[in-house]
Amino acid sequence: MPNVYAGVNDGGLFCIEVRTTKDPIFGKGENCGDNTFITDHRRRFIDSQVFIKQCLALGFKILYFTEENNLSVHKNDNPVLMRLILQK
């Protein structure tokens, strides 16, 4: 994240959408460490509270945050996602 922060212009935005550790498939499959598991492919799950603390410590401001399901339903997959908009 320090490299992301350095690459964002003052006033610029960083937007991210990722699966979180609250996702139903977190912990399933082969554990590769660092909240990463292999099921049908490799997935890294983010602990939203840890991630937000790191971003705030760098100097980002939170403009928008949600962590829930029903944001990106595809067939039988309804992941718990974090959507986050940060501003430098």
PDB file of N, CA and C in Angstrom:
ATOM      1  N   MET A   1       0.792  -1.193   0.000  1.00  0.00           N
ATOM      2  CA  MET A   1       0.000   0.000   0.000  1.00  0.00           C
ATOM      3  C   MET A   1       0.846   1.274   0.000  1.00  0.00           C
ATOM      4  N   PRO A   2       2.043   1.264   0.581  1.00  0.00           N
ATOM      5  CA  PRO A   2       2.850   2.485   0.482  1.00  0.00           C
ATOM      6  C   PRO A   2       3.133   2.893  -0.970  1.00  0.00           C
ATOM      7  N   ASN A   3       3.345   1.921  -1.844  1.00  0.00           N
ATOM      8  CA  ASN A   3       3.586   2.236  -3.260  1.00  0.00           C
ATOM      9  C   ASN A   3       2.334   2.798  -3.925  1.00  0.00           C
ATOM     10  N   VAL A   4       1.178   2.278  -3.557  1.00  0.00           N
ATOM     11  CA  VAL A   4      -0.083   2.803  -4.095  1.00  0.00           C
ATOM     12  C   VAL A   4      -0.251   4.244  -3.648  1.00  0.00           C
ATOM     13  N   TYR A   5      -0.061   4.485  -2.354  1.00  0.00           N
ATOM     14  CA  TYR A   5      -0.206   5.845  -1.817  1.00  0.00           C
ATOM     15  C   TYR A   5       0.744   6.809  -2.540  1.00  0.00           C
ATOM     16  N   ALA A   6       1.973   6.383  -2.733  1.00  0.00           N
ATOM     17  CA  ALA A   6       2.962   7.239  -3.406  1.00  0.00           C
ATOM     18  C   ALA A   6       2.568   7.512  -4.852  1.00  0.00           C
ATOM     19  N   GLY A   7       1.862   6.588  -5.473  1.00  0.00           N
ATOM     20  CA  GLY A   7       1.495   6.739  -6.873  1.00  0.00           C
ATOM     21  C   GLY A   7       0.219   7.524  -7.124  1.00  0.00           C
ATOM     22  N   VAL A   8      -0.514   7.832  -6.063  1.00  0.00           N
ATOM     23  CA  VAL A   8      -1.763   8.582  -6.207  1.00  0.00           C
ATOM     24  C   VAL A   8      -1.476  10.071  -6.022  1.00  0.00           C
ATOM     25  N   ASN A   9      -1.977  10.873  -6.939  1.00  0.00           N
ATOM     26  CA  ASN A   9      -1.806  12.327  -6.831  1.00  0.00           C
ATOM     27  C   ASN A   9      -2.580  12.857  -5.627  1.00  0.00           C
ATOM     28  N   ASP A  10      -2.151  13.993  -5.087  1.00  0.00           N
ATOM     29  CA  ASP A  10      -2.887  14.634  -4.005  1.00  0.00           C
ATOM     30  C   ASP A  10      -4.317  14.894  -4.455  1.00  0.00           C
ATOM     31  N   GLY A  11      -5.273  14.491  -3.654  1.00  0.00           N
ATOM     32  CA  GLY A  11      -6.682  14.618  -4.004  1.00  0.00           C
ATOM     33  C   GLY A  11      -7.199  13.472  -4.851  1.00  0.00           C
ATOM     34  N   GLY A  12      -6.285  12.616  -5.310  1.00  0.00           N
ATOM     35  CA  GLY A  12      -6.659  11.492  -6.166  1.00  0.00           C
ATOM     36  C   GLY A  12      -7.351  10.388  -5.396  1.00  0.00           C
ATOM     37  N   LEU A  13      -7.983   9.493  -6.145  1.00  0.00           N
ATOM     38  CA  LEU A  13      -8.753   8.405  -5.558  1.00  0.00           C
ATOM     39  C   LEU A  13      -8.103   7.053  -5.812  1.00  0.00           C
ATOM     40  N   PHE A  14      -8.293   6.161  -4.864  1.00  0.00           N
ATOM     41  CA  PHE A  14      -7.933   4.758  -5.011  1.00  0.00           C
ATOM     42  C   PHE A  14      -9.188   3.966  -4.684  1.00  0.00           C
ATOM     43  N   CYS A  15      -9.656   3.161  -5.638  1.00  0.00           N
ATOM     44  CA  CYS A  15     -10.885   2.376  -5.479  1.00  0.00           C
ATOM     45  C   CYS A  15     -10.532   0.895  -5.527  1.00  0.00           C
ATOM     46  N   ILE A  16     -11.128   0.134  -4.629  1.00  0.00           N
ATOM     47  CA  ILE A  16     -10.818  -1.286  -4.568  1.00  0.00           C
ATOM     48  C   ILE A  16     -12.085  -2.078  -4.225  1.00  0.00           C
ATOM     49  N   GLU A  17     -12.202  -3.248  -4.843  1.00  0.00           N
ATOM     50  CA  GLU A  17     -13.263  -4.201  -4.523  1.00  0.00           C
ATOM     51  C   GLU A  17     -12.603  -5.565  -4.415  1.00  0.00           C
ATOM     52  N   VAL A  18     -12.710  -6.183  -3.250  1.00  0.00           N
ATOM     53  CA  VAL A  18     -12.061  -7.474  -3.013  1.00  0.00           C
ATOM     54  C   VAL A  18     -12.923  -8.347  -2.109  1.00  0.00           C
ATOM     55  N   ARG A  19     -12.695  -9.652  -2.198  1.00  0.00           N
ATOM     56  CA  ARG A  19     -13.307 -10.579  -1.250  1.00  0.00           C
ATOM     57  C   ARG A  19     -12.638 -10.384   0.106  1.00  0.00           C
ATOM     58  N   THR A  20     -13.432 -10.544   1.159  1.00  0.00           N
ATOM     59  CA  THR A  20     -12.881 -10.376   2.496  1.00  0.00           C
ATOM     60  C   THR A  20     -12.861 -11.695   3.257  1.00  0.00           C
ATOM     61  N   THR A  21     -12.263 -11.645   4.424  1.00  0.00           N
ATOM     62  CA  THR A  21     -12.189 -12.832   5.276  1.00  0.00           C
ATOM     63  C   THR A  21     -13.557 -13.235   5.816  1.00  0.00           C
ATOM     64  N   LYS A  22     -14.584 -12.429   5.563  1.00  0.00           N
ATOM     65  CA  LYS A  22     -15.958 -12.786   5.947  1.00  0.00           C
ATOM     66  C   LYS A  22     -16.675 -13.570   4.844  1.00  0.00           C
ATOM     67  N   ASP A  23     -15.999 -13.788   3.719  1.00  0.00           N
ATOM     68  CA  ASP A  23     -16.583 -14.522   2.598  1.00  0.00           C
ATOM     69  C   ASP A  23     -16.804 -15.985   2.985  1.00  0.00           C
ATOM     70  N   PRO A  24     -17.902 -16.585   2.546  1.00  0.00           N
ATOM     71  CA  PRO A  24     -18.187 -17.982   2.901  1.00  0.00           C
ATOM     72  C   PRO A  24     -17.104 -18.982   2.480  1.00  0.00           C
ATOM     73  N   ILE A  25     -16.350 -18.696   1.427  1.00  0.00           N
ATOM     74  CA  ILE A  25     -15.332 -19.667   1.012  1.00  0.00           C
ATOM     75  C   ILE A  25     -13.957 -19.392   1.626  1.00  0.00           C
ATOM     76  N   PHE A  26     -13.857 -18.347   2.458  1.00  0.00           N
ATOM     77  CA  PHE A  26     -12.590 -18.110   3.150  1.00  0.00           C
ATOM     78  C   PHE A  26     -12.254 -19.317   4.014  1.00  0.00           C
ATOM     79  N   GLY A  27     -11.031 -19.794   3.898  1.00  0.00           N
ATOM     80  CA  GLY A  27     -10.586 -20.944   4.676  1.00  0.00           C
ATOM     81  C   GLY A  27     -10.791 -22.284   3.991  1.00  0.00           C
ATOM     82  N   LYS A  28     -11.445 -22.271   2.836  1.00  0.00           N
ATOM     83  CA  LYS A  28     -11.675 -23.524   2.109  1.00  0.00           C
ATOM     84  C   LYS A  28     -10.595 -23.705   1.048  1.00  0.00           C
ATOM     85  N   GLY A  29     -10.210 -24.929   0.817  1.00  0.00           N
ATOM     86  CA  GLY A  29      -9.188 -25.224  -0.177  1.00  0.00           C
ATOM     87  C   GLY A  29      -7.813 -25.312   0.451  1.00  0.00           C
ATOM     88  N   GLU A  30      -6.810 -25.283  -0.400  1.00  0.00           N
ATOM     89  CA  GLU A  30      -5.419 -25.396   0.045  1.00  0.00           C
ATOM     90  C   GLU A  30      -4.936 -24.059   0.593  1.00  0.00           C
ATOM     91  N   ASN A  31      -4.492 -24.059   1.846  1.00  0.00           N
ATOM     92  CA  ASN A  31      -3.997 -22.847   2.491  1.00  0.00           C
ATOM     93  C   ASN A  31      -2.592 -22.532   1.983  1.00  0.00           C
ATOM     94  N   CYS A  32      -2.428 -21.362   1.393  1.00  0.00           N
ATOM     95  CA  CYS A  32      -1.127 -20.919   0.883  1.00  0.00           C
ATOM     96  C   CYS A  32      -0.515 -19.849   1.775  1.00  0.00           C
ATOM     97  N   GLY A  33      -1.148 -19.547   2.912  1.00  0.00           N
ATOM     98  CA  GLY A  33      -0.667 -18.512   3.816  1.00  0.00           C
ATOM     99  C   GLY A  33      -1.165 -17.139   3.410  1.00  0.00           C
ATOM    100  N   ASP A  34      -1.040 -16.177   4.315  1.00  0.00           N
ATOM    101  CA  ASP A  34      -1.415 -14.787   4.062  1.00  0.00           C
ATOM    102  C   ASP A  34      -2.856 -14.662   3.561  1.00  0.00           C
ATOM    103  N   ASN A  35      -3.776 -15.413   4.206  1.00  0.00           N
ATOM    104  CA  ASN A  35      -5.199 -15.400   3.833  1.00  0.00           C
ATOM    105  C   ASN A  35      -5.442 -15.776   2.368  1.00  0.00           C
ATOM    106  N   THR A  36      -4.596 -16.634   1.834  1.00  0.00           N
ATOM    107  CA  THR A  36      -4.701 -17.077   0.448  1.00  0.00           C
ATOM    108  C   THR A  36      -5.015 -18.565   0.406  1.00  0.00           C
ATOM    109  N   PHE A  37      -6.001 -18.916  -0.428  1.00  0.00           N
ATOM    110  CA  PHE A  37      -6.429 -20.307  -0.552  1.00  0.00           C
ATOM    111  C   PHE A  37      -6.648 -20.641  -2.019  1.00  0.00           C
ATOM    112  N   ILE A  38      -6.382 -21.904  -2.365  1.00  0.00           N
ATOM    113  CA  ILE A  38      -6.623 -22.373  -3.718  1.00  0.00           C
ATOM    114  C   ILE A  38      -7.855 -23.263  -3.704  1.00  0.00           C
ATOM    115  N   THR A  39      -8.867 -22.880  -4.473  1.00  0.00           N
ATOM    116  CA  THR A  39     -10.037 -23.722  -4.714  1.00  0.00           C
ATOM    117  C   THR A  39      -9.995 -24.035  -6.203  1.00  0.00           C
ATOM    118  N   ASP A  40     -10.844 -23.383  -6.996  1.00  0.00           N
ATOM    119  CA  ASP A  40     -10.745 -23.539  -8.446  1.00  0.00           C
ATOM    120  C   ASP A  40      -9.627 -22.662  -9.002  1.00  0.00           C
ATOM    121  N   HIS A  41      -9.204 -21.643  -8.224  1.00  0.00           N
ATOM    122  CA  HIS A  41      -8.021 -20.844  -8.519  1.00  0.00           C
ATOM    123  C   HIS A  41      -7.560 -20.180  -7.224  1.00  0.00           C
ATOM    124  N   ARG A  42      -6.451 -19.515  -7.272  1.00  0.00           N
ATOM    125  CA  ARG A  42      -5.873 -18.882  -6.078  1.00  0.00           C
ATOM    126  C   ARG A  42      -6.652 -17.608  -5.751  1.00  0.00           C
ATOM    127  N   ARG A  43      -7.053 -17.490  -4.481  1.00  0.00           N
ATOM    128  CA  ARG A  43      -7.766 -16.298  -4.023  1.00  0.00           C
ATOM    129  C   ARG A  43      -7.120 -15.787  -2.741  1.00  0.00           C
ATOM    130  N   ARG A  44      -6.914 -14.477  -2.685  1.00  0.00           N
ATOM    131  CA  ARG A  44      -6.437 -13.844  -1.460  1.00  0.00           C
ATOM    132  C   ARG A  44      -7.592 -13.055  -0.878  1.00  0.00           C
ATOM    133  N   PHE A  45      -7.869 -13.282   0.391  1.00  0.00           N
ATOM    134  CA  PHE A  45      -8.957 -12.624   1.089  1.00  0.00           C
ATOM    135  C   PHE A  45      -8.374 -11.544   1.999  1.00  0.00           C
ATOM    136  N   ILE A  46      -9.021 -10.403   2.040  1.00  0.00           N
ATOM    137  CA  ILE A  46      -8.519  -9.259   2.791  1.00  0.00           C
ATOM    138  C   ILE A  46      -9.317  -9.095   4.081  1.00  0.00           C
ATOM    139  N   ASP A  47      -8.613  -8.900   5.188  1.00  0.00           N
ATOM    140  CA  ASP A  47      -9.249  -8.514   6.446  1.00  0.00           C
ATOM    141  C   ASP A  47      -9.504  -7.011   6.330  1.00  0.00           C
ATOM    142  N   SER A  48     -10.751  -6.627   6.183  1.00  0.00           N
ATOM    143  CA  SER A  48     -11.083  -5.227   5.877  1.00  0.00           C
ATOM    144  C   SER A  48     -10.609  -4.265   6.961  1.00  0.00           C
ATOM    145  N   GLN A  49     -10.735  -4.648   8.217  1.00  0.00           N
ATOM    146  CA  GLN A  49     -10.347  -3.727   9.290  1.00  0.00           C
ATOM    147  C   GLN A  49      -8.836  -3.503   9.329  1.00  0.00           C
ATOM    148  N   VAL A  50      -8.071  -4.537   9.107  1.00  0.00           N
ATOM    149  CA  VAL A  50      -6.607  -4.400   9.041  1.00  0.00           C
ATOM    150  C   VAL A  50      -6.221  -3.533   7.843  1.00  0.00           C
ATOM    151  N   PHE A  51      -6.847  -3.794   6.699  1.00  0.00           N
ATOM    152  CA  PHE A  51      -6.551  -3.045   5.483  1.00  0.00           C
ATOM    153  C   PHE A  51      -6.864  -1.562   5.668  1.00  0.00           C
ATOM    154  N   ILE A  52      -8.018  -1.262   6.247  1.00  0.00           N
ATOM    155  CA  ILE A  52      -8.407   0.137   6.451  1.00  0.00           C
ATOM    156  C   ILE A  52      -7.439   0.835   7.399  1.00  0.00           C
ATOM    157  N   LYS A  53      -7.050   0.175   8.471  1.00  0.00           N
ATOM    158  CA  LYS A  53      -6.084   0.775   9.407  1.00  0.00           C
ATOM    159  C   LYS A  53      -4.777   1.111   8.705  1.00  0.00           C
ATOM    160  N   GLN A  54      -4.306   0.208   7.843  1.00  0.00           N
ATOM    161  CA  GLN A  54      -3.071   0.462   7.098  1.00  0.00           C
ATOM    162  C   GLN A  54      -3.226   1.668   6.176  1.00  0.00           C
ATOM    163  N   CYS A  55      -4.366   1.762   5.514  1.00  0.00           N
ATOM    164  CA  CYS A  55      -4.603   2.869   4.592  1.00  0.00           C
ATOM    165  C   CYS A  55      -4.687   4.202   5.322  1.00  0.00           C
ATOM    166  N   LEU A  56      -5.371   4.224   6.453  1.00  0.00           N
ATOM    167  CA  LEU A  56      -5.484   5.454   7.238  1.00  0.00           C
ATOM    168  C   LEU A  56      -4.127   5.883   7.782  1.00  0.00           C
ATOM    169  N   ALA A  57      -3.317   4.912   8.194  1.00  0.00           N
ATOM    170  CA  ALA A  57      -1.979   5.227   8.714  1.00  0.00           C
ATOM    171  C   ALA A  57      -1.095   5.873   7.650  1.00  0.00           C
ATOM    172  N   LEU A  58      -1.324   5.524   6.380  1.00  0.00           N
ATOM    173  CA  LEU A  58      -0.558   6.108   5.283  1.00  0.00           C
ATOM    174  C   LEU A  58      -0.997   7.539   4.979  1.00  0.00           C
ATOM    175  N   GLY A  59      -2.237   7.877   5.331  1.00  0.00           N
ATOM    176  CA  GLY A  59      -2.742   9.209   5.063  1.00  0.00           C
ATOM    177  C   GLY A  59      -3.980   9.264   4.188  1.00  0.00           C
ATOM    178  N   PHE A  60      -4.462   8.105   3.725  1.00  0.00           N
ATOM    179  CA  PHE A  60      -5.699   8.085   2.953  1.00  0.00           C
ATOM    180  C   PHE A  60      -6.880   8.485   3.835  1.00  0.00           C
ATOM    181  N   LYS A  61      -7.910   9.059   3.215  1.00  0.00           N
ATOM    182  CA  LYS A  61      -9.189   9.332   3.859  1.00  0.00           C
ATOM    183  C   LYS A  61     -10.230   8.417   3.222  1.00  0.00           C
ATOM    184  N   ILE A  62     -11.150   7.914   4.031  1.00  0.00           N
ATOM    185  CA  ILE A  62     -12.210   7.044   3.518  1.00  0.00           C
ATOM    186  C   ILE A  62     -13.365   7.909   3.020  1.00  0.00           C
ATOM    187  N   LEU A  63     -13.707   7.743   1.742  1.00  0.00           N
ATOM    188  CA  LEU A  63     -14.877   8.407   1.186  1.00  0.00           C
ATOM    189  C   LEU A  63     -16.085   7.477   1.171  1.00  0.00           C
ATOM    190  N   TYR A  64     -15.832   6.181   1.023  1.00  0.00           N
ATOM    191  CA  TYR A  64     -16.923   5.201   0.965  1.00  0.00           C
ATOM    192  C   TYR A  64     -16.394   3.856   1.397  1.00  0.00           C
ATOM    193  N   PHE A  65     -17.199   3.134   2.177  1.00  0.00           N
ATOM    194  CA  PHE A  65     -16.845   1.781   2.590  1.00  0.00           C
ATOM    195  C   PHE A  65     -18.115   0.970   2.791  1.00  0.00           C
ATOM    196  N   THR A  66     -18.108  -0.231   2.266  1.00  0.00           N
ATOM    197  CA  THR A  66     -19.127  -1.223   2.589  1.00  0.00           C
ATOM    198  C   THR A  66     -18.474  -2.598   2.536  1.00  0.00           C
ATOM    199  N   GLU A  67     -19.008  -3.503   3.329  1.00  0.00           N
ATOM    200  CA  GLU A  67     -18.552  -4.896   3.318  1.00  0.00           C
ATOM    201  C   GLU A  67     -19.798  -5.755   3.473  1.00  0.00           C
ATOM    202  N   GLU A  68     -20.185  -6.385   2.380  1.00  0.00           N
ATOM    203  CA  GLU A  68     -21.426  -7.158   2.391  1.00  0.00           C
ATOM    204  C   GLU A  68     -21.493  -8.081   1.180  1.00  0.00           C
ATOM    205  N   ASN A  69     -22.513  -8.926   1.166  1.00  0.00           N
ATOM    206  CA  ASN A  69     -22.760  -9.745  -0.019  1.00  0.00           C
ATOM    207  C   ASN A  69     -23.801  -9.025  -0.880  1.00  0.00           C
ATOM    208  N   ASN A  70     -24.236  -9.684  -1.928  1.00  0.00           N
ATOM    209  CA  ASN A  70     -25.203  -9.135  -2.894  1.00  0.00           C
ATOM    210  C   ASN A  70     -24.651  -7.960  -3.708  1.00  0.00           C
ATOM    211  N   LEU A  71     -23.359  -7.800  -3.742  1.00  0.00           N
ATOM    212  CA  LEU A  71     -22.742  -6.735  -4.538  1.00  0.00           C
ATOM    213  C   LEU A  71     -22.304  -7.231  -5.907  1.00  0.00           C
ATOM    214  N   SER A  72     -22.020  -8.525  -6.005  1.00  0.00           N
ATOM    215  CA  SER A  72     -21.504  -9.077  -7.255  1.00  0.00           C
ATOM    216  C   SER A  72     -21.896 -10.549  -7.367  1.00  0.00           C
ATOM    217  N   VAL A  73     -23.177 -10.793  -7.486  1.00  0.00           N
ATOM    218  CA  VAL A  73     -23.684 -12.164  -7.575  1.00  0.00           C
ATOM    219  C   VAL A  73     -23.438 -12.690  -8.985  1.00  0.00           C
ATOM    220  N   HIS A  74     -22.865 -13.891  -9.060  1.00  0.00           N
ATOM    221  CA  HIS A  74     -22.637 -14.544 -10.353  1.00  0.00           C
ATOM    222  C   HIS A  74     -23.006 -16.010 -10.201  1.00  0.00           C
ATOM    223  N   LYS A  75     -24.076 -16.399 -10.878  1.00  0.00           N
ATOM    224  CA  LYS A  75     -24.601 -17.769 -10.785  1.00  0.00           C
ATOM    225  C   LYS A  75     -24.853 -18.106  -9.313  1.00  0.00           C
ATOM    226  N   ASN A  76     -24.176 -19.119  -8.762  1.00  0.00           N
ATOM    227  CA  ASN A  76     -24.374 -19.509  -7.363  1.00  0.00           C
ATOM    228  C   ASN A  76     -23.382 -18.849  -6.418  1.00  0.00           C
ATOM    229  N   ASP A  77     -22.571 -17.940  -6.909  1.00  0.00           N
ATOM    230  CA  ASP A  77     -21.544 -17.296  -6.089  1.00  0.00           C
ATOM    231  C   ASP A  77     -22.028 -15.908  -5.648  1.00  0.00           C
ATOM    232  N   ASN A  78     -22.087 -15.699  -4.345  1.00  0.00           N
ATOM    233  CA  ASN A  78     -22.507 -14.426  -3.771  1.00  0.00           C
ATOM    234  C   ASN A  78     -21.483 -14.034  -2.706  1.00  0.00           C
ATOM    235  N   PRO A  79     -20.316 -13.550  -3.129  1.00  0.00           N
ATOM    236  CA  PRO A  79     -19.221 -13.302  -2.188  1.00  0.00           C
ATOM    237  C   PRO A  79     -19.487 -12.108  -1.273  1.00  0.00           C
ATOM    238  N   VAL A  80     -18.820 -12.135  -0.127  1.00  0.00           N
ATOM    239  CA  VAL A  80     -18.774 -10.959   0.733  1.00  0.00           C
ATOM    240  C   VAL A  80     -17.605 -10.113   0.236  1.00  0.00           C
ATOM    241  N   LEU A  81     -17.928  -8.925  -0.228  1.00  0.00           N
ATOM    242  CA  LEU A  81     -16.927  -8.036  -0.800  1.00  0.00           C
ATOM    243  C   LEU A  81     -16.771  -6.783   0.038  1.00  0.00           C
ATOM    244  N   MET A  82     -15.591  -6.216  -0.035  1.00  0.00           N
ATOM    245  CA  MET A  82     -15.334  -4.885   0.483  1.00  0.00           C
ATOM    246  C   MET A  82     -15.233  -3.959  -0.724  1.00  0.00           C
ATOM    247  N   ARG A  83     -16.003  -2.895  -0.693  1.00  0.00           N
ATOM    248  CA  ARG A  83     -15.857  -1.817  -1.667  1.00  0.00           C
ATOM    249  C   ARG A  83     -15.387  -0.609  -0.882  1.00  0.00           C
ATOM    250  N   LEU A  84     -14.300  -0.032  -1.340  1.00  0.00           N
ATOM    251  CA  LEU A  84     -13.662   1.041  -0.600  1.00  0.00           C
ATOM    252  C   LEU A  84     -13.165   2.103  -1.569  1.00  0.00           C
ATOM    253  N   ILE A  85     -13.510   3.345  -1.286  1.00  0.00           N
ATOM    254  CA  ILE A  85     -12.979   4.476  -2.056  1.00  0.00           C
ATOM    255  C   ILE A  85     -12.188   5.328  -1.078  1.00  0.00           C
ATOM    256  N   LEU A  86     -10.923   5.486  -1.410  1.00  0.00           N
ATOM    257  CA  LEU A  86     -10.007   6.273  -0.583  1.00  0.00           C
ATOM    258  C   LEU A  86      -9.535   7.496  -1.346  1.00  0.00           C
ATOM    259  N   GLN A  87      -9.238   8.555  -0.617  1.00  0.00           N
ATOM    260  CA  GLN A  87      -8.708   9.767  -1.235  1.00  0.00           C
ATOM    261  C   GLN A  87      -7.410  10.156  -0.544  1.00  0.00           C
ATOM    262  N   LYS A  88      -6.463  10.584  -1.347  1.00  0.00           N
ATOM    263  CA  LYS A  88      -5.179  11.032  -0.802  1.00  0.00           C
ATOM    264  C   LYS A  88      -5.264  12.507  -0.467  1.00  0.00           C
TER     265      LYS A  88
END
